[in-house]
PDB file of N, CA and C in Angstrom:
ATOM      1  N   MET A   1      -4.824  -7.366   5.782  1.00  0.00           N
ATOM      2  CA  MET A   1      -3.584  -6.693   5.566  1.00  0.00           C
ATOM      3  C   MET A   1      -2.813  -7.421   4.464  1.00  0.00           C
ATOM      4  N   VAL A   2      -2.164  -6.633   3.621  1.00  0.00           N
ATOM      5  CA  VAL A   2      -1.362  -7.160   2.524  1.00  0.00           C
ATOM      6  C   VAL A   2       0.005  -6.496   2.590  1.00  0.00           C
ATOM      7  N   ASN A   3       1.061  -7.278   2.456  1.00  0.00           N
ATOM      8  CA  ASN A   3       2.400  -6.694   2.372  1.00  0.00           C
ATOM      9  C   ASN A   3       2.595  -6.139   0.979  1.00  0.00           C
ATOM     10  N   GLU A   4       2.988  -4.879   0.914  1.00  0.00           N
ATOM     11  CA  GLU A   4       3.210  -4.240  -0.385  1.00  0.00           C
ATOM     12  C   GLU A   4       4.481  -4.761  -1.051  1.00  0.00           C
ATOM     13  N   ASP A   5       5.442  -5.131  -0.246  1.00  0.00           N
ATOM     14  CA  ASP A   5       6.679  -5.671  -0.793  1.00  0.00           C
ATOM     15  C   ASP A   5       6.969  -7.017  -0.141  1.00  0.00           C
ATOM     16  N   ARG A   6       7.883  -7.755  -0.702  1.00  0.00           N
ATOM     17  CA  ARG A   6       8.170  -9.122  -0.242  1.00  0.00           C
ATOM     18  C   ARG A   6       8.729  -9.165   1.176  1.00  0.00           C
ATOM     19  N   LEU A   7       9.377  -8.097   1.595  1.00  0.00           N
ATOM     20  CA  LEU A   7       9.964  -8.071   2.924  1.00  0.00           C
ATOM     21  C   LEU A   7       8.967  -7.637   3.999  1.00  0.00           C
ATOM     22  N   GLY A   8       7.824  -7.147   3.581  1.00  0.00           N
ATOM     23  CA  GLY A   8       6.824  -6.703   4.550  1.00  0.00           C
ATOM     24  C   GLY A   8       7.147  -5.368   5.181  1.00  0.00           C
ATOM     25  N   LEU A   9       7.950  -4.564   4.491  1.00  0.00           N
ATOM     26  CA  LEU A   9       8.333  -3.260   5.035  1.00  0.00           C
ATOM     27  C   LEU A   9       7.187  -2.260   5.006  1.00  0.00           C
ATOM     28  N   ASP A  10       6.285  -2.413   4.073  1.00  0.00           N
ATOM     29  CA  ASP A  10       5.136  -1.516   3.981  1.00  0.00           C
ATOM     30  C   ASP A  10       3.882  -2.355   3.842  1.00  0.00           C
ATOM     31  N   ARG A  11       2.863  -2.005   4.613  1.00  0.00           N
ATOM     32  CA  ARG A  11       1.635  -2.788   4.623  1.00  0.00           C
ATOM     33  C   ARG A  11       0.467  -1.953   4.141  1.00  0.00           C
ATOM     34  N   ILE A  12      -0.445  -2.634   3.461  1.00  0.00           N
ATOM     35  CA  ILE A  12      -1.682  -2.017   3.002  1.00  0.00           C
ATOM     36  C   ILE A  12      -2.825  -2.759   3.676  1.00  0.00           C
ATOM     37  N   TYR A  13      -3.692  -2.019   4.324  1.00  0.00           N
ATOM     38  CA  TYR A  13      -4.844  -2.615   4.998  1.00  0.00           C
ATOM     39  C   TYR A  13      -6.053  -2.556   4.077  1.00  0.00           C
ATOM     40  N   VAL A  14      -6.852  -3.613   4.105  1.00  0.00           N
ATOM     41  CA  VAL A  14      -7.974  -3.753   3.181  1.00  0.00           C
ATOM     42  C   VAL A  14      -9.257  -3.996   3.976  1.00  0.00           C
ATOM     43  N   GLN A  15     -10.318  -3.319   3.557  1.00  0.00           N
ATOM     44  CA  GLN A  15     -11.646  -3.612   4.093  1.00  0.00           C
ATOM     45  C   GLN A  15     -12.584  -3.794   2.915  1.00  0.00           C
ATOM     46  N   ALA A  16     -13.500  -4.746   3.026  1.00  0.00           N
ATOM     47  CA  ALA A  16     -14.447  -5.022   1.946  1.00  0.00           C
ATOM     48  C   ALA A  16     -15.859  -5.045   2.502  1.00  0.00           C
ATOM     49  N   LYS A  17     -16.795  -4.495   1.719  1.00  0.00           N
ATOM     50  CA  LYS A  17     -18.212  -4.513   2.069  1.00  0.00           C
ATOM     51  C   LYS A  17     -18.986  -5.059   0.879  1.00  0.00           C
ATOM     52  N   ARG A  18     -19.820  -6.037   1.151  1.00  0.00           N
ATOM     53  CA  ARG A  18     -20.683  -6.595   0.109  1.00  0.00           C
ATOM     54  C   ARG A  18     -22.072  -5.986   0.295  1.00  0.00           C
ATOM     55  N   TYR A  19     -22.316  -4.916  -0.430  1.00  0.00           N
ATOM     56  CA  TYR A  19     -23.584  -4.197  -0.340  1.00  0.00           C
ATOM     57  C   TYR A  19     -24.362  -4.380  -1.641  1.00  0.00           C
ATOM     58  N   ALA A  20     -25.675  -4.266  -1.551  1.00  0.00           N
ATOM     59  CA  ALA A  20     -26.526  -4.317  -2.747  1.00  0.00           C
ATOM     60  C   ALA A  20     -26.232  -3.094  -3.617  1.00  0.00           C
ATOM     61  N   PRO A  21     -26.456  -3.212  -4.922  1.00  0.00           N
ATOM     62  CA  PRO A  21     -26.145  -2.109  -5.838  1.00  0.00           C
ATOM     63  C   PRO A  21     -26.766  -0.754  -5.460  1.00  0.00           C
ATOM     64  N   GLY A  22     -27.950  -0.749  -4.903  1.00  0.00           N
ATOM     65  CA  GLY A  22     -28.591   0.520  -4.559  1.00  0.00           C
ATOM     66  C   GLY A  22     -28.240   1.035  -3.180  1.00  0.00           C
ATOM     67  N   ASN A  23     -27.307   0.394  -2.503  1.00  0.00           N
ATOM     68  CA  ASN A  23     -26.949   0.750  -1.130  1.00  0.00           C
ATOM     69  C   ASN A  23     -25.487   1.190  -1.091  1.00  0.00           C
ATOM     70  N   PRO A  24     -25.198   2.484  -1.287  1.00  0.00           N
ATOM     71  CA  PRO A  24     -23.804   2.922  -1.334  1.00  0.00           C
ATOM     72  C   PRO A  24     -23.141   2.921   0.043  1.00  0.00           C
ATOM     73  N   VAL A  25     -21.839   2.767   0.041  1.00  0.00           N
ATOM     74  CA  VAL A  25     -21.044   2.890   1.262  1.00  0.00           C
ATOM     75  C   VAL A  25     -20.898   4.385   1.539  1.00  0.00           C
ATOM     76  N   GLY A  26     -21.247   4.783   2.753  1.00  0.00           N
ATOM     77  CA  GLY A  26     -21.214   6.201   3.109  1.00  0.00           C
ATOM     78  C   GLY A  26     -19.953   6.601   3.847  1.00  0.00           C
ATOM     79  N   ARG A  27     -19.891   7.874   4.128  1.00  0.00           N
ATOM     80  CA  ARG A  27     -18.736   8.424   4.837  1.00  0.00           C
ATOM     81  C   ARG A  27     -18.532   7.774   6.204  1.00  0.00           C
ATOM     82  N   PRO A  28     -19.579   7.476   6.989  1.00  0.00           N
ATOM     83  CA  PRO A  28     -19.330   6.859   8.302  1.00  0.00           C
ATOM     84  C   PRO A  28     -18.537   5.548   8.218  1.00  0.00           C
ATOM     85  N   ASP A  29     -18.832   4.710   7.224  1.00  0.00           N
ATOM     86  CA  ASP A  29     -18.079   3.458   7.059  1.00  0.00           C
ATOM     87  C   ASP A  29     -16.620   3.731   6.712  1.00  0.00           C
ATOM     88  N   VAL A  30     -16.410   4.671   5.805  1.00  0.00           N
ATOM     89  CA  VAL A  30     -15.045   5.013   5.397  1.00  0.00           C
ATOM     90  C   VAL A  30     -14.308   5.669   6.563  1.00  0.00           C
ATOM     91  N   ASN A  31     -15.005   6.524   7.304  1.00  0.00           N
ATOM     92  CA  ASN A  31     -14.405   7.178   8.467  1.00  0.00           C
ATOM     93  C   ASN A  31     -13.968   6.132   9.502  1.00  0.00           C
ATOM     94  N   GLY A  32     -14.780   5.114   9.722  1.00  0.00           N
ATOM     95  CA  GLY A  32     -14.418   4.043  10.640  1.00  0.00           C
ATOM     96  C   GLY A  32     -13.180   3.295  10.190  1.00  0.00           C
ATOM     97  N   PHE A  33     -13.079   3.051   8.877  1.00  0.00           N
ATOM     98  CA  PHE A  33     -11.904   2.381   8.326  1.00  0.00           C
ATOM     99  C   PHE A  33     -10.659   3.236   8.531  1.00  0.00           C
ATOM    100  N   VAL A  34     -10.777   4.528   8.269  1.00  0.00           N
ATOM    101  CA  VAL A  34      -9.638   5.435   8.450  1.00  0.00           C
ATOM    102  C   VAL A  34      -9.245   5.483   9.926  1.00  0.00           C
ATOM    103  N   GLY A  35     -10.230   5.466  10.818  1.00  0.00           N
ATOM    104  CA  GLY A  35      -9.926   5.423  12.244  1.00  0.00           C
ATOM    105  C   GLY A  35      -9.131   4.187  12.619  1.00  0.00           C
ATOM    106  N   SER A  36      -9.452   3.060  12.008  1.00  0.00           N
ATOM    107  CA  SER A  36      -8.696   1.821  12.238  1.00  0.00           C
ATOM    108  C   SER A  36      -7.265   1.964  11.735  1.00  0.00           C
ATOM    109  N   LEU A  37      -7.107   2.606  10.588  1.00  0.00           N
ATOM    110  CA  LEU A  37      -5.761   2.824  10.049  1.00  0.00           C
ATOM    111  C   LEU A  37      -4.937   3.672  11.008  1.00  0.00           C
ATOM    112  N   VAL A  38      -5.544   4.743  11.514  1.00  0.00           N
ATOM    113  CA  VAL A  38      -4.845   5.622  12.449  1.00  0.00           C
ATOM    114  C   VAL A  38      -4.452   4.843  13.700  1.00  0.00           C
ATOM    115  N   GLY A  39      -5.371   4.035  14.217  1.00  0.00           N
ATOM    116  CA  GLY A  39      -5.094   3.236  15.407  1.00  0.00           C
ATOM    117  C   GLY A  39      -3.964   2.249  15.212  1.00  0.00           C
ATOM    118  N   LEU A  40      -3.793   1.763  13.999  1.00  0.00           N
ATOM    119  CA  LEU A  40      -2.731   0.802  13.688  1.00  0.00           C
ATOM    120  C   LEU A  40      -1.437   1.473  13.247  1.00  0.00           C
ATOM    121  N   GLY A  41      -1.475   2.794  13.097  1.00  0.00           N
ATOM    122  CA  GLY A  41      -0.307   3.515  12.604  1.00  0.00           C
ATOM    123  C   GLY A  41      -0.067   3.279  11.129  1.00  0.00           C
ATOM    124  N   ALA A  42      -1.112   2.892  10.419  1.00  0.00           N
ATOM    125  CA  ALA A  42      -0.989   2.580   8.989  1.00  0.00           C
ATOM    126  C   ALA A  42      -1.146   3.837   8.143  1.00  0.00           C
ATOM    127  N   THR A  43      -0.521   3.831   6.986  1.00  0.00           N
ATOM    128  CA  THR A  43      -0.594   4.978   6.087  1.00  0.00           C
ATOM    129  C   THR A  43      -1.312   4.674   4.784  1.00  0.00           C
ATOM    130  N   LYS A  44      -1.625   3.382   4.541  1.00  0.00           N
ATOM    131  CA  LYS A  44      -2.247   3.008   3.269  1.00  0.00           C
ATOM    132  C   LYS A  44      -3.400   2.046   3.493  1.00  0.00           C
ATOM    133  N   GLY A  45      -4.485   2.282   2.763  1.00  0.00           N
ATOM    134  CA  GLY A  45      -5.625   1.396   2.872  1.00  0.00           C
ATOM    135  C   GLY A  45      -6.405   1.328   1.582  1.00  0.00           C
ATOM    136  N   VAL A  46      -7.081   0.210   1.389  1.00  0.00           N
ATOM    137  CA  VAL A  46      -7.952   0.009   0.230  1.00  0.00           C
ATOM    138  C   VAL A  46      -9.309  -0.430   0.760  1.00  0.00           C
ATOM    139  N   PHE A  47     -10.344   0.288   0.354  1.00  0.00           N
ATOM    140  CA  PHE A  47     -11.710  -0.042   0.761  1.00  0.00           C
ATOM    141  C   PHE A  47     -12.439  -0.483  -0.495  1.00  0.00           C
ATOM    142  N   VAL A  48     -12.932  -1.729  -0.491  1.00  0.00           N
ATOM    143  CA  VAL A  48     -13.572  -2.318  -1.656  1.00  0.00           C
ATOM    144  C   VAL A  48     -15.039  -2.571  -1.344  1.00  0.00           C
ATOM    145  N   THR A  49     -15.911  -2.274  -2.299  1.00  0.00           N
ATOM    146  CA  THR A  49     -17.321  -2.614  -2.155  1.00  0.00           C
ATOM    147  C   THR A  49     -17.866  -3.153  -3.468  1.00  0.00           C
ATOM    148  N   THR A  50     -18.875  -3.991  -3.362  1.00  0.00           N
ATOM    149  CA  THR A  50     -19.560  -4.467  -4.563  1.00  0.00           C
ATOM    150  C   THR A  50     -20.559  -3.431  -5.049  1.00  0.00           C
ATOM    151  N   SER A  51     -20.815  -2.434  -4.237  1.00  0.00           N
ATOM    152  CA  SER A  51     -21.775  -1.381  -4.562  1.00  0.00           C
ATOM    153  C   SER A  51     -21.026  -0.146  -5.079  1.00  0.00           C
ATOM    154  N   THR A  52     -21.379   1.011  -4.556  1.00  0.00           N
ATOM    155  CA  THR A  52     -20.735   2.282  -4.903  1.00  0.00           C
ATOM    156  C   THR A  52     -20.382   3.012  -3.616  1.00  0.00           C
ATOM    157  N   PHE A  53     -19.700   4.126  -3.737  1.00  0.00           N
ATOM    158  CA  PHE A  53     -19.404   5.000  -2.604  1.00  0.00           C
ATOM    159  C   PHE A  53     -20.182   6.291  -2.776  1.00  0.00           C
ATOM    160  N   SER A  54     -20.699   6.818  -1.668  1.00  0.00           N
ATOM    161  CA  SER A  54     -21.404   8.103  -1.720  1.00  0.00           C
ATOM    162  C   SER A  54     -20.386   9.196  -2.036  1.00  0.00           C
ATOM    163  N   GLN A  55     -20.879  10.312  -2.538  1.00  0.00           N
ATOM    164  CA  GLN A  55     -19.982  11.429  -2.848  1.00  0.00           C
ATOM    165  C   GLN A  55     -19.293  11.959  -1.595  1.00  0.00           C
ATOM    166  N   PRO A  56     -19.988  12.081  -0.448  1.00  0.00           N
ATOM    167  CA  PRO A  56     -19.268  12.502   0.762  1.00  0.00           C
ATOM    168  C   PRO A  56     -18.131  11.548   1.144  1.00  0.00           C
ATOM    169  N   ALA A  57     -18.314  10.261   0.930  1.00  0.00           N
ATOM    170  CA  ALA A  57     -17.243   9.298   1.218  1.00  0.00           C
ATOM    171  C   ALA A  57     -16.061   9.521   0.284  1.00  0.00           C
ATOM    172  N   ARG A  58     -16.344   9.755  -0.995  1.00  0.00           N
ATOM    173  CA  ARG A  58     -15.270  10.004  -1.964  1.00  0.00           C
ATOM    174  C   ARG A  58     -14.533  11.304  -1.657  1.00  0.00           C
ATOM    175  N   ASP A  59     -15.284  12.324  -1.290  1.00  0.00           N
ATOM    176  CA  ASP A  59     -14.671  13.615  -0.957  1.00  0.00           C
ATOM    177  C   ASP A  59     -13.798  13.505   0.287  1.00  0.00           C
ATOM    178  N   TYR A  60     -14.241  12.733   1.255  1.00  0.00           N
ATOM    179  CA  TYR A  60     -13.529  12.586   2.522  1.00  0.00           C
ATOM    180  C   TYR A  60     -12.112  12.054   2.338  1.00  0.00           C
ATOM    181  N   VAL A  61     -11.931  11.067   1.481  1.00  0.00           N
ATOM    182  CA  VAL A  61     -10.607  10.448   1.338  1.00  0.00           C
ATOM    183  C   VAL A  61      -9.619  11.313   0.561  1.00  0.00           C
ATOM    184  N   LYS A  62     -10.098  12.360  -0.085  1.00  0.00           N
ATOM    185  CA  LYS A  62      -9.204  13.203  -0.890  1.00  0.00           C
ATOM    186  C   LYS A  62      -8.227  14.010  -0.039  1.00  0.00           C
ATOM    187  N   HIS A  63      -8.581  14.290   1.210  1.00  0.00           N
ATOM    188  CA  HIS A  63      -7.783  15.218   2.019  1.00  0.00           C
ATOM    189  C   HIS A  63      -7.226  14.557   3.281  1.00  0.00           C
ATOM    190  N   LEU A  64      -6.949  13.292   3.225  1.00  0.00           N
ATOM    191  CA  LEU A  64      -6.438  12.558   4.377  1.00  0.00           C
ATOM    192  C   LEU A  64      -4.920  12.492   4.369  1.00  0.00           C
ATOM    193  N   ALA A  65      -4.346  12.340   5.566  1.00  0.00           N
ATOM    194  CA  ALA A  65      -2.903  12.095   5.664  1.00  0.00           C
ATOM    195  C   ALA A  65      -2.598  10.679   5.176  1.00  0.00           C
ATOM    196  N   GLN A  66      -3.551   9.747   5.393  1.00  0.00           N
ATOM    197  CA  GLN A  66      -3.385   8.378   4.921  1.00  0.00           C
ATOM    198  C   GLN A  66      -3.807   8.307   3.457  1.00  0.00           C
ATOM    199  N   ARG A  67      -3.206   7.395   2.747  1.00  0.00           N
ATOM    200  CA  ARG A  67      -3.598   7.162   1.344  1.00  0.00           C
ATOM    201  C   ARG A  67      -4.635   6.052   1.352  1.00  0.00           C
ATOM    202  N   VAL A  68      -5.874   6.420   1.010  1.00  0.00           N
ATOM    203  CA  VAL A  68      -6.975   5.460   0.990  1.00  0.00           C
ATOM    204  C   VAL A  68      -7.556   5.416  -0.420  1.00  0.00           C
ATOM    205  N   ILE A  69      -7.585   4.226  -1.004  1.00  0.00           N
ATOM    206  CA  ILE A  69      -8.135   4.018  -2.339  1.00  0.00           C
ATOM    207  C   ILE A  69      -9.497   3.369  -2.184  1.00  0.00           C
ATOM    208  N   LEU A  70     -10.487   3.908  -2.893  1.00  0.00           N
ATOM    209  CA  LEU A  70     -11.835   3.357  -2.887  1.00  0.00           C
ATOM    210  C   LEU A  70     -12.063   2.626  -4.201  1.00  0.00           C
ATOM    211  N   ILE A  71     -12.456   1.363  -4.131  1.00  0.00           N
ATOM    212  CA  ILE A  71     -12.736   0.565  -5.328  1.00  0.00           C
ATOM    213  C   ILE A  71     -14.188   0.128  -5.261  1.00  0.00           C
ATOM    214  N   ASP A  72     -14.992   0.626  -6.201  1.00  0.00           N
ATOM    215  CA  ASP A  72     -16.409   0.261  -6.221  1.00  0.00           C
ATOM    216  C   ASP A  72     -16.636  -0.981  -7.079  1.00  0.00           C
ATOM    217  N   GLY A  73     -17.882  -1.424  -7.144  1.00  0.00           N
ATOM    218  CA  GLY A  73     -18.212  -2.660  -7.842  1.00  0.00           C
ATOM    219  C   GLY A  73     -17.793  -2.680  -9.296  1.00  0.00           C
ATOM    220  N   GLN A  74     -17.994  -1.569  -9.997  1.00  0.00           N
ATOM    221  CA  GLN A  74     -17.630  -1.524 -11.413  1.00  0.00           C
ATOM    222  C   GLN A  74     -16.119  -1.616 -11.592  1.00  0.00           C
ATOM    223  N   GLU A  75     -15.383  -0.864 -10.774  1.00  0.00           N
ATOM    224  CA  GLU A  75     -13.927  -0.919 -10.876  1.00  0.00           C
ATOM    225  C   GLU A  75     -13.401  -2.284 -10.453  1.00  0.00           C
ATOM    226  N   LEU A  76     -14.039  -2.892  -9.451  1.00  0.00           N
ATOM    227  CA  LEU A  76     -13.659  -4.233  -9.022  1.00  0.00           C
ATOM    228  C   LEU A  76     -13.838  -5.229 -10.170  1.00  0.00           C
ATOM    229  N   ALA A  77     -14.973  -5.147 -10.854  1.00  0.00           N
ATOM    230  CA  ALA A  77     -15.217  -6.040 -11.993  1.00  0.00           C
ATOM    231  C   ALA A  77     -14.186  -5.810 -13.095  1.00  0.00           C
ATOM    232  N   ASP A  78     -13.863  -4.551 -13.374  1.00  0.00           N
ATOM    233  CA  ASP A  78     -12.857  -4.238 -14.390  1.00  0.00           C
ATOM    234  C   ASP A  78     -11.496  -4.820 -14.016  1.00  0.00           C
ATOM    235  N   LEU A  79     -11.111  -4.697 -12.743  1.00  0.00           N
ATOM    236  CA  LEU A  79      -9.834  -5.238 -12.292  1.00  0.00           C
ATOM    237  C   LEU A  79      -9.819  -6.765 -12.374  1.00  0.00           C
ATOM    238  N   MET A  80     -10.938  -7.385 -12.035  1.00  0.00           N
ATOM    239  CA  MET A  80     -11.026  -8.844 -12.117  1.00  0.00           C
ATOM    240  C   MET A  80     -10.858  -9.312 -13.559  1.00  0.00           C
ATOM    241  N   ILE A  81     -11.484  -8.627 -14.492  1.00  0.00           N
ATOM    242  CA  ILE A  81     -11.353  -8.981 -15.904  1.00  0.00           C
ATOM    243  C   ILE A  81      -9.921  -8.750 -16.383  1.00  0.00           C
ATOM    244  N   GLU A  82      -9.356  -7.605 -16.020  1.00  0.00           N
ATOM    245  CA  GLU A  82      -8.002  -7.266 -16.446  1.00  0.00           C
ATOM    246  C   GLU A  82      -6.972  -8.282 -15.969  1.00  0.00           C
ATOM    247  N   HIS A  83      -7.145  -8.780 -14.752  1.00  0.00           N
ATOM    248  CA  HIS A  83      -6.159  -9.695 -14.174  1.00  0.00           C
ATOM    249  C   HIS A  83      -6.586 -11.165 -14.207  1.00  0.00           C
ATOM    250  N   GLY A  84      -7.736 -11.447 -14.828  1.00  0.00           N
ATOM    251  CA  GLY A  84      -8.178 -12.823 -14.992  1.00  0.00           C
ATOM    252  C   GLY A  84      -8.535 -13.515 -13.687  1.00  0.00           C
ATOM    253  N   VAL A  85      -9.092 -12.776 -12.753  1.00  0.00           N
ATOM    254  CA  VAL A  85      -9.462 -13.331 -11.444  1.00  0.00           C
ATOM    255  C   VAL A  85     -10.970 -13.554 -11.403  1.00  0.00           C
ATOM    256  N   GLY A  86     -11.388 -14.776 -11.171  1.00  0.00           N
ATOM    257  CA  GLY A  86     -12.810 -15.075 -11.048  1.00  0.00           C
ATOM    258  C   GLY A  86     -13.593 -14.948 -12.333  1.00  0.00           C
ATOM    259  N   VAL A  87     -12.912 -14.982 -13.459  1.00  0.00           N
ATOM    260  CA  VAL A  87     -13.573 -14.875 -14.763  1.00  0.00           C
ATOM    261  C   VAL A  87     -13.078 -16.005 -15.657  1.00  0.00           C
ATOM    262  N   ARG A  88     -13.828 -16.273 -16.707  1.00  0.00           N
ATOM    263  CA  ARG A  88     -13.368 -17.270 -17.678  1.00  0.00           C
ATOM    264  C   ARG A  88     -13.756 -16.793 -19.077  1.00  0.00           C
ATOM    265  N   SER A  89     -12.921 -17.111 -20.022  1.00  0.00           N
ATOM    266  CA  SER A  89     -13.176 -16.751 -21.417  1.00  0.00           C
ATOM    267  C   SER A  89     -14.229 -17.678 -21.986  1.00  0.00           C
ATOM    268  N   TYR A  90     -15.138 -17.132 -22.752  1.00  0.00           N
ATOM    269  CA  TYR A  90     -16.141 -17.980 -23.400  1.00  0.00           C
ATOM    270  C   TYR A  90     -16.083 -17.880 -24.905  1.00  0.00           C
ATOM    271  N   ARG A  91     -15.309 -16.951 -25.432  1.00  0.00           N
ATOM    272  CA  ARG A  91     -15.152 -16.870 -26.880  1.00  0.00           C
ATOM    273  C   ARG A  91     -13.791 -16.266 -27.177  1.00  0.00           C
ATOM    274  N   THR A  92     -13.101 -16.845 -28.108  1.00  0.00           N
ATOM    275  CA  THR A  92     -11.827 -16.315 -28.557  1.00  0.00           C
ATOM    276  C   THR A  92     -11.964 -15.976 -30.027  1.00  0.00           C
ATOM    277  N   VAL A  93     -11.518 -14.801 -30.387  1.00  0.00           N
ATOM    278  CA  VAL A  93     -11.596 -14.358 -31.776  1.00  0.00           C
ATOM    279  C   VAL A  93     -10.210 -14.497 -32.395  1.00  0.00           C
ATOM    280  N   GLU A  94     -10.167 -15.142 -33.552  1.00  0.00           N
ATOM    281  CA  GLU A  94      -8.905 -15.342 -34.243  1.00  0.00           C
ATOM    282  C   GLU A  94      -8.844 -14.391 -35.436  1.00  0.00           C
ATOM    283  N   PHE A  95      -7.744 -13.659 -35.509  1.00  0.00           N
ATOM    284  CA  PHE A  95      -7.532 -12.753 -36.639  1.00  0.00           C
ATOM    285  C   PHE A  95      -6.439 -13.348 -37.504  1.00  0.00           C
ATOM    286  N   LYS A  96      -6.681 -13.366 -38.823  1.00  0.00           N
ATOM    287  CA  LYS A  96      -5.688 -13.913 -39.746  1.00  0.00           C
ATOM    288  C   LYS A  96      -5.166 -12.788 -40.624  1.00  0.00           C
ATOM    289  N   ARG A  97      -3.900 -12.929 -40.998  1.00  0.00           N
ATOM    290  CA  ARG A  97      -3.309 -11.960 -41.916  1.00  0.00           C
ATOM    291  C   ARG A  97      -2.566 -12.728 -42.992  1.00  0.00           C
ATOM    292  N   LEU A  98      -2.332 -12.083 -44.073  1.00  0.00           N
ATOM    293  CA  LEU A  98      -1.700 -12.699 -45.222  1.00  0.00           C
ATOM    294  C   LEU A  98      -0.254 -13.063 -44.901  1.00  0.00           C
ATOM    295  N   ASP A  99       0.122 -14.294 -45.226  1.00  0.00           N
ATOM    296  CA  ASP A  99       1.489 -14.761 -45.049  1.00  0.00           C
ATOM    297  C   ASP A  99       2.224 -14.501 -46.357  1.00  0.00           C
ATOM    298  N   GLU A 100       2.979 -13.420 -46.421  1.00  0.00           N
ATOM    299  CA  GLU A 100       3.644 -13.010 -47.655  1.00  0.00           C
ATOM    300  C   GLU A 100       4.717 -14.007 -48.071  1.00  0.00           C
ATOM    301  N   ASP A 101       5.295 -14.733 -47.117  1.00  0.00           N
ATOM    302  CA  ASP A 101       6.309 -15.728 -47.459  1.00  0.00           C
ATOM    303  C   ASP A 101       5.713 -16.873 -48.265  1.00  0.00           C
ATOM    304  N   PHE A 102       4.463 -17.172 -48.077  1.00  0.00           N
ATOM    305  CA  PHE A 102       3.776 -18.234 -48.820  1.00  0.00           C
ATOM    306  C   PHE A 102       3.808 -17.957 -50.320  1.00  0.00           C
ATOM    307  N   PHE A 103       3.706 -16.677 -50.664  1.00  0.00           N
ATOM    308  CA  PHE A 103       3.654 -16.281 -52.062  1.00  0.00           C
ATOM    309  C   PHE A 103       4.999 -15.824 -52.605  1.00  0.00           C
ATOM    310  N   GLY A 104       6.051 -16.000 -51.827  1.00  0.00           N
ATOM    311  CA  GLY A 104       7.398 -15.556 -52.246  1.00  0.00           C
ATOM    312  C   GLY A 104       7.903 -16.347 -53.422  1.00  0.00           C
ATOM    313  N   GLU A 105       8.869 -15.770 -54.127  1.00  0.00           N
ATOM    314  CA  GLU A 105       9.459 -16.441 -55.279  1.00  0.00           C
ATOM    315  C   GLU A 105      10.458 -17.481 -54.817  1.00  0.00           C
ATOM    316  N   GLU A 106      10.535 -18.592 -55.556  1.00  0.00           N
ATOM    317  CA  GLU A 106      11.497 -19.649 -55.252  1.00  0.00           C
ATOM    318  C   GLU A 106      12.558 -19.722 -56.279  1.00  0.00           C
TER     319      GLU A 106
END
């Protein structure tokens, strides 16, 4: 569980599955997560996997009363790169431009 705001007025529940790339998370797993949300009275959840989600799982979350976000392995990697989590830079490219003041008249 993660507090969405500093006061803890709204909570987001998170579930993660570490599956092999060829083993997608199916609707039964997502359905179980949604059932947990309902049992807790929660309205928001994030389901993360290192693999992918099956199409039935993706279709299922589109029509729920709860807001459930599915993050697959590719999107997880993109988010990690975007926010600098668990990654490190190995090359920095420097771009130079002409300093017009250097050539200014004195």
